Amino acid sequence: METPLQVIATEAALRLIQELKAAHGPLMFYQSGGCCEGSAPMCFPLGEFRIGSRDVQLGDIGGAPFYISAPQFEYWKHTQLIIDVVPGFGAAFSLEGPGGLQFLTRSHVFTPEEVAALRFAGRL
């Protein structure tokens, strides 16, 4: 079995990522742990958010690296994060916030076979 991706994005999210890239240049994402902005994926210009030594890069969406804190990774490691976009005003620090849209995390619980593939690949 092919190793499943730990983070993916919907077509709507990918379109918004491309729009934000055109306006702001290269981007990065960080899955918030629920402090000031709730548990929301936040989008920043690449390098504008300091990644910690224990943060985990789950993958890339729309060419932008996607990170999560180590404690959040422990909660989410058995799920695939699906980044979507919905109307609303999300995280104040996230680039999409002022545009009336917000990134949202949905999830898919990995099957036992997918978990085994992730373990084999050293991702769990």
N, C-alpha and C. Protein backbone atom coordinates (compact mmCIF):
# COMPACT_ATOMS: atom_id res chain seq x y z
N MET A 1 0.85 -1.18 0.00
CA MET A 1 0.00 0.00 0.00
C MET A 1 0.89 1.24 0.00
N GLU A 2 0.46 2.22 -0.77
CA GLU A 2 1.16 3.50 -0.82
C GLU A 2 0.92 4.25 0.50
N THR A 3 1.93 4.97 0.96
CA THR A 3 1.80 5.74 2.20
C THR A 3 0.80 6.87 1.98
N PRO A 4 -0.24 6.95 2.82
CA PRO A 4 -1.22 8.02 2.64
C PRO A 4 -0.64 9.38 3.03
N LEU A 5 -1.18 10.41 2.41
CA LEU A 5 -0.78 11.76 2.78
C LEU A 5 -1.43 12.12 4.11
N GLN A 6 -0.69 12.82 4.96
CA GLN A 6 -1.22 13.19 6.27
C GLN A 6 -1.98 14.50 6.24
N VAL A 7 -1.80 15.27 5.18
CA VAL A 7 -2.58 16.51 5.01
C VAL A 7 -2.85 16.68 3.52
N ILE A 8 -4.09 17.01 3.20
CA ILE A 8 -4.50 17.32 1.83
C ILE A 8 -5.39 18.55 1.88
N ALA A 9 -5.72 19.09 0.71
CA ALA A 9 -6.59 20.26 0.65
C ALA A 9 -7.66 20.04 -0.41
N THR A 10 -8.82 20.60 -0.16
CA THR A 10 -9.91 20.55 -1.13
C THR A 10 -9.58 21.48 -2.30
N GLU A 11 -10.34 21.32 -3.38
CA GLU A 11 -10.15 22.20 -4.55
C GLU A 11 -10.37 23.67 -4.17
N ALA A 12 -11.38 23.92 -3.34
CA ALA A 12 -11.66 25.31 -2.91
C ALA A 12 -10.48 25.87 -2.13
N ALA A 13 -9.91 25.07 -1.25
CA ALA A 13 -8.75 25.53 -0.47
C ALA A 13 -7.55 25.77 -1.38
N LEU A 14 -7.35 24.87 -2.34
CA LEU A 14 -6.22 25.04 -3.26
C LEU A 14 -6.37 26.32 -4.10
N ARG A 15 -7.59 26.64 -4.51
CA ARG A 15 -7.82 27.89 -5.26
C ARG A 15 -7.47 29.10 -4.40
N LEU A 16 -7.92 29.07 -3.13
CA LEU A 16 -7.62 30.20 -2.24
C LEU A 16 -6.12 30.30 -1.97
N ILE A 17 -5.46 29.19 -1.82
CA ILE A 17 -4.00 29.19 -1.62
C ILE A 17 -3.32 29.88 -2.80
N GLN A 18 -3.75 29.56 -4.02
CA GLN A 18 -3.14 30.19 -5.21
C GLN A 18 -3.39 31.69 -5.22
N GLU A 19 -4.60 32.12 -4.83
CA GLU A 19 -4.90 33.56 -4.76
C GLU A 19 -4.01 34.24 -3.72
N LEU A 20 -3.85 33.60 -2.56
CA LEU A 20 -3.03 34.19 -1.51
C LEU A 20 -1.56 34.22 -1.92
N LYS A 21 -1.10 33.20 -2.64
CA LYS A 21 0.28 33.19 -3.14
C LYS A 21 0.51 34.35 -4.11
N ALA A 22 -0.47 34.59 -4.97
CA ALA A 22 -0.34 35.68 -5.94
C ALA A 22 -0.24 37.03 -5.23
N ALA A 23 -0.93 37.17 -4.11
CA ALA A 23 -0.93 38.44 -3.37
C ALA A 23 0.23 38.56 -2.39
N HIS A 24 0.69 37.44 -1.82
CA HIS A 24 1.66 37.51 -0.71
C HIS A 24 2.96 36.75 -0.95
N GLY A 25 3.08 36.04 -2.05
CA GLY A 25 4.28 35.24 -2.30
C GLY A 25 4.17 33.87 -1.64
N PRO A 26 5.31 33.18 -1.47
CA PRO A 26 5.29 31.84 -0.89
C PRO A 26 4.62 31.83 0.49
N LEU A 27 3.92 30.73 0.77
CA LEU A 27 3.14 30.61 2.00
C LEU A 27 3.58 29.42 2.83
N MET A 28 3.08 29.39 4.06
CA MET A 28 3.23 28.26 4.97
C MET A 28 1.96 28.16 5.81
N PHE A 29 1.71 26.98 6.35
CA PHE A 29 0.56 26.76 7.23
C PHE A 29 1.01 26.21 8.57
N TYR A 30 0.23 26.54 9.59
CA TYR A 30 0.46 25.99 10.92
C TYR A 30 -0.91 25.64 11.53
N GLN A 31 -1.05 24.39 11.94
CA GLN A 31 -2.29 23.96 12.59
C GLN A 31 -2.23 24.39 14.04
N SER A 32 -3.09 25.33 14.39
CA SER A 32 -3.13 25.88 15.73
C SER A 32 -3.56 24.84 16.75
N GLY A 33 -3.06 24.99 17.94
CA GLY A 33 -3.42 24.09 19.02
C GLY A 33 -4.54 24.62 19.89
N GLY A 34 -5.19 25.71 19.50
CA GLY A 34 -6.35 26.17 20.24
C GLY A 34 -6.11 27.33 21.17
N CYS A 35 -5.00 28.01 21.08
CA CYS A 35 -4.73 29.15 21.97
C CYS A 35 -5.63 30.32 21.62
N CYS A 36 -5.12 31.29 20.94
CA CYS A 36 -5.87 32.51 20.64
C CYS A 36 -6.90 32.35 19.54
N GLU A 37 -6.62 31.54 18.57
CA GLU A 37 -7.46 31.45 17.38
C GLU A 37 -8.27 30.16 17.31
N GLY A 38 -8.32 29.38 18.35
CA GLY A 38 -9.01 28.10 18.27
C GLY A 38 -8.15 27.11 17.51
N SER A 39 -8.69 25.97 17.22
CA SER A 39 -7.95 24.94 16.49
C SER A 39 -8.17 25.13 15.00
N ALA A 40 -7.46 26.06 14.44
CA ALA A 40 -7.64 26.40 13.03
C ALA A 40 -6.32 26.33 12.29
N PRO A 41 -6.36 25.93 11.02
CA PRO A 41 -5.14 26.02 10.21
C PRO A 41 -4.91 27.49 9.87
N MET A 42 -3.73 27.96 10.14
CA MET A 42 -3.42 29.37 9.89
C MET A 42 -2.40 29.48 8.77
N CYS A 43 -2.60 30.45 7.90
CA CYS A 43 -1.77 30.66 6.72
C CYS A 43 -0.95 31.94 6.91
N PHE A 44 0.34 31.83 6.65
CA PHE A 44 1.26 32.96 6.81
C PHE A 44 2.17 33.07 5.58
N PRO A 45 2.75 34.25 5.34
CA PRO A 45 3.84 34.30 4.37
C PRO A 45 4.96 33.38 4.86
N LEU A 46 5.58 32.68 3.95
CA LEU A 46 6.63 31.73 4.31
C LEU A 46 7.68 32.42 5.17
N GLY A 47 7.98 31.83 6.33
CA GLY A 47 8.98 32.37 7.24
C GLY A 47 8.45 33.37 8.25
N GLU A 48 7.19 33.77 8.15
CA GLU A 48 6.62 34.75 9.08
C GLU A 48 6.18 34.14 10.40
N PHE A 49 6.12 32.83 10.47
CA PHE A 49 5.76 32.14 11.71
C PHE A 49 6.93 31.25 12.08
N ARG A 50 7.40 31.37 13.30
CA ARG A 50 8.57 30.61 13.73
C ARG A 50 8.17 29.17 14.06
N ILE A 51 8.78 28.24 13.37
CA ILE A 51 8.55 26.81 13.59
C ILE A 51 9.47 26.36 14.71
N GLY A 52 8.91 25.61 15.67
CA GLY A 52 9.70 25.10 16.78
C GLY A 52 10.40 23.80 16.43
N SER A 53 11.38 23.44 17.24
CA SER A 53 12.17 22.24 16.98
C SER A 53 11.35 20.95 17.09
N ARG A 54 10.23 20.99 17.81
CA ARG A 54 9.39 19.79 17.96
C ARG A 54 8.20 19.78 17.00
N ASP A 55 7.99 20.88 16.27
CA ASP A 55 6.88 20.92 15.32
C ASP A 55 7.11 19.89 14.22
N VAL A 56 6.01 19.37 13.69
CA VAL A 56 6.05 18.31 12.70
C VAL A 56 5.52 18.85 11.37
N GLN A 57 6.29 18.64 10.30
CA GLN A 57 5.78 18.99 8.98
C GLN A 57 5.01 17.79 8.46
N LEU A 58 3.69 17.96 8.32
CA LEU A 58 2.84 16.86 7.85
C LEU A 58 2.96 16.66 6.35
N GLY A 59 3.28 17.70 5.64
CA GLY A 59 3.35 17.65 4.18
C GLY A 59 3.22 19.03 3.62
N ASP A 60 2.76 19.11 2.38
CA ASP A 60 2.55 20.38 1.69
C ASP A 60 1.15 20.40 1.11
N ILE A 61 0.55 21.58 1.09
CA ILE A 61 -0.72 21.76 0.37
C ILE A 61 -0.56 22.96 -0.54
N GLY A 62 -0.88 22.77 -1.80
CA GLY A 62 -0.74 23.86 -2.75
C GLY A 62 0.68 24.40 -2.84
N GLY A 63 1.66 23.56 -2.56
CA GLY A 63 3.06 23.98 -2.60
C GLY A 63 3.53 24.69 -1.34
N ALA A 64 2.68 24.74 -0.32
CA ALA A 64 3.04 25.41 0.94
C ALA A 64 3.24 24.37 2.04
N PRO A 65 4.34 24.44 2.78
CA PRO A 65 4.55 23.48 3.87
C PRO A 65 3.48 23.64 4.95
N PHE A 66 3.08 22.51 5.54
CA PHE A 66 2.03 22.48 6.56
C PHE A 66 2.61 21.85 7.82
N TYR A 67 2.62 22.61 8.91
CA TYR A 67 3.20 22.17 10.18
C TYR A 67 2.12 22.05 11.26
N ILE A 68 2.45 21.26 12.28
CA ILE A 68 1.59 21.09 13.44
C ILE A 68 2.50 20.89 14.65
N SER A 69 2.05 21.34 15.81
CA SER A 69 2.86 21.17 17.02
C SER A 69 2.92 19.68 17.40
N ALA A 70 3.96 19.30 18.12
CA ALA A 70 4.11 17.91 18.54
C ALA A 70 2.92 17.42 19.37
N PRO A 71 2.44 18.20 20.36
CA PRO A 71 1.26 17.73 21.11
C PRO A 71 0.02 17.56 20.24
N GLN A 72 -0.19 18.49 19.30
CA GLN A 72 -1.34 18.36 18.39
C GLN A 72 -1.16 17.15 17.48
N PHE A 73 0.07 16.91 17.04
CA PHE A 73 0.33 15.74 16.20
C PHE A 73 -0.08 14.46 16.93
N GLU A 74 0.19 14.38 18.22
CA GLU A 74 -0.20 13.20 18.99
C GLU A 74 -1.71 12.99 18.96
N TYR A 75 -2.48 14.08 19.00
CA TYR A 75 -3.94 13.97 18.93
C TYR A 75 -4.42 13.57 17.54
N TRP A 76 -3.77 14.10 16.51
CA TRP A 76 -4.25 13.97 15.13
C TRP A 76 -3.52 12.90 14.31
N LYS A 77 -2.52 12.23 14.84
CA LYS A 77 -1.67 11.37 14.01
C LYS A 77 -2.40 10.20 13.35
N HIS A 78 -3.53 9.83 13.86
CA HIS A 78 -4.28 8.73 13.25
C HIS A 78 -5.35 9.22 12.28
N THR A 79 -5.24 10.49 11.90
CA THR A 79 -6.20 11.06 10.95
C THR A 79 -5.48 11.82 9.86
N GLN A 80 -6.10 11.85 8.71
CA GLN A 80 -5.63 12.68 7.61
C GLN A 80 -6.34 14.03 7.77
N LEU A 81 -5.57 15.10 7.81
CA LEU A 81 -6.17 16.43 7.89
C LEU A 81 -6.56 16.86 6.48
N ILE A 82 -7.79 17.32 6.34
CA ILE A 82 -8.32 17.78 5.06
C ILE A 82 -8.61 19.27 5.22
N ILE A 83 -7.81 20.10 4.58
CA ILE A 83 -7.96 21.54 4.73
C ILE A 83 -8.97 22.04 3.69
N ASP A 84 -9.99 22.69 4.20
CA ASP A 84 -11.08 23.20 3.37
C ASP A 84 -11.20 24.69 3.63
N VAL A 85 -12.09 25.34 2.93
CA VAL A 85 -12.34 26.76 3.13
C VAL A 85 -13.85 26.97 3.15
N VAL A 86 -14.29 27.82 4.07
CA VAL A 86 -15.71 28.11 4.23
C VAL A 86 -15.89 29.62 4.42
N PRO A 87 -17.09 30.13 4.16
CA PRO A 87 -17.33 31.56 4.43
C PRO A 87 -17.22 31.85 5.92
N GLY A 88 -16.74 33.01 6.24
CA GLY A 88 -16.62 33.42 7.64
C GLY A 88 -15.33 34.16 7.87
N PHE A 89 -15.16 34.60 9.09
CA PHE A 89 -13.95 35.31 9.48
C PHE A 89 -13.24 34.46 10.51
N GLY A 90 -12.15 33.83 10.09
CA GLY A 90 -11.44 32.91 10.95
C GLY A 90 -10.35 33.59 11.74
N ALA A 91 -9.22 32.94 11.78
CA ALA A 91 -8.08 33.38 12.57
C ALA A 91 -7.62 34.77 12.15
N ALA A 92 -7.55 35.67 13.10
CA ALA A 92 -7.18 37.06 12.81
C ALA A 92 -5.78 37.17 12.24
N PHE A 93 -4.89 36.25 12.60
CA PHE A 93 -3.51 36.33 12.13
C PHE A 93 -3.32 35.64 10.79
N SER A 94 -4.30 34.88 10.33
CA SER A 94 -4.18 34.12 9.10
C SER A 94 -4.51 35.00 7.89
N LEU A 95 -3.78 34.81 6.80
CA LEU A 95 -3.90 35.69 5.63
C LEU A 95 -5.30 35.72 5.01
N GLU A 96 -6.06 34.65 5.11
CA GLU A 96 -7.38 34.64 4.47
C GLU A 96 -8.44 35.36 5.28
N GLY A 97 -8.17 35.64 6.55
CA GLY A 97 -9.14 36.22 7.46
C GLY A 97 -9.87 37.45 6.96
N PRO A 98 -9.15 38.46 6.45
CA PRO A 98 -9.84 39.68 6.02
C PRO A 98 -10.73 39.50 4.78
N GLY A 99 -10.58 38.39 4.05
CA GLY A 99 -11.32 38.20 2.81
C GLY A 99 -12.68 37.56 2.95
N GLY A 100 -13.15 37.35 4.18
CA GLY A 100 -14.47 36.76 4.36
C GLY A 100 -14.50 35.26 4.20
N LEU A 101 -13.34 34.62 4.19
CA LEU A 101 -13.24 33.17 4.12
C LEU A 101 -12.34 32.70 5.24
N GLN A 102 -12.48 31.44 5.61
CA GLN A 102 -11.58 30.89 6.62
C GLN A 102 -11.22 29.45 6.27
N PHE A 103 -9.96 29.10 6.53
CA PHE A 103 -9.55 27.72 6.37
C PHE A 103 -10.14 26.93 7.53
N LEU A 104 -10.47 25.69 7.27
CA LEU A 104 -11.11 24.81 8.24
C LEU A 104 -10.50 23.42 8.11
N THR A 105 -10.28 22.76 9.23
CA THR A 105 -9.75 21.41 9.21
C THR A 105 -10.88 20.40 9.34
N ARG A 106 -10.94 19.52 8.37
CA ARG A 106 -11.82 18.35 8.45
C ARG A 106 -10.88 17.16 8.60
N SER A 107 -11.40 15.98 8.82
CA SER A 107 -10.48 14.85 8.99
C SER A 107 -11.08 13.54 8.51
N HIS A 108 -10.19 12.63 8.23
CA HIS A 108 -10.52 11.25 7.84
C HIS A 108 -9.68 10.36 8.75
N VAL A 109 -10.30 9.47 9.50
CA VAL A 109 -9.56 8.55 10.36
C VAL A 109 -8.92 7.48 9.47
N PHE A 110 -7.61 7.31 9.63
CA PHE A 110 -6.91 6.33 8.83
C PHE A 110 -7.41 4.92 9.13
N THR A 111 -7.46 4.10 8.10
CA THR A 111 -7.80 2.68 8.25
C THR A 111 -6.61 1.97 8.89
N PRO A 112 -6.80 0.77 9.43
CA PRO A 112 -5.66 0.02 9.96
C PRO A 112 -4.55 -0.18 8.92
N GLU A 113 -4.92 -0.37 7.67
CA GLU A 113 -3.92 -0.54 6.62
C GLU A 113 -3.13 0.75 6.39
N GLU A 114 -3.82 1.88 6.44
CA GLU A 114 -3.13 3.17 6.27
C GLU A 114 -2.20 3.45 7.44
N VAL A 115 -2.64 3.11 8.66
CA VAL A 115 -1.79 3.28 9.85
C VAL A 115 -0.53 2.42 9.70
N ALA A 116 -0.69 1.19 9.24
CA ALA A 116 0.46 0.30 9.05
C ALA A 116 1.42 0.89 8.02
N ALA A 117 0.89 1.45 6.93
CA ALA A 117 1.74 2.05 5.91
C ALA A 117 2.49 3.26 6.46
N LEU A 118 1.82 4.08 7.27
CA LEU A 118 2.47 5.23 7.89
C LEU A 118 3.56 4.80 8.86
N ARG A 119 3.28 3.75 9.64
CA ARG A 119 4.31 3.24 10.56
C ARG A 119 5.51 2.72 9.79
N PHE A 120 5.25 1.97 8.72
CA PHE A 120 6.32 1.41 7.89
C PHE A 120 7.19 2.53 7.32
N ALA A 121 6.55 3.65 6.97
CA ALA A 121 7.28 4.79 6.40
C ALA A 121 7.93 5.66 7.46
N GLY A 122 7.73 5.33 8.76
CA GLY A 122 8.33 6.11 9.84
C GLY A 122 7.61 7.41 10.11
N ARG A 123 6.35 7.52 9.68
CA ARG A 123 5.59 8.75 9.88
C ARG A 123 4.75 8.74 11.15
N LEU A 124 4.66 7.60 11.83
CA LEU A 124 3.93 7.51 13.11
C LEU A 124 4.85 6.98 14.18
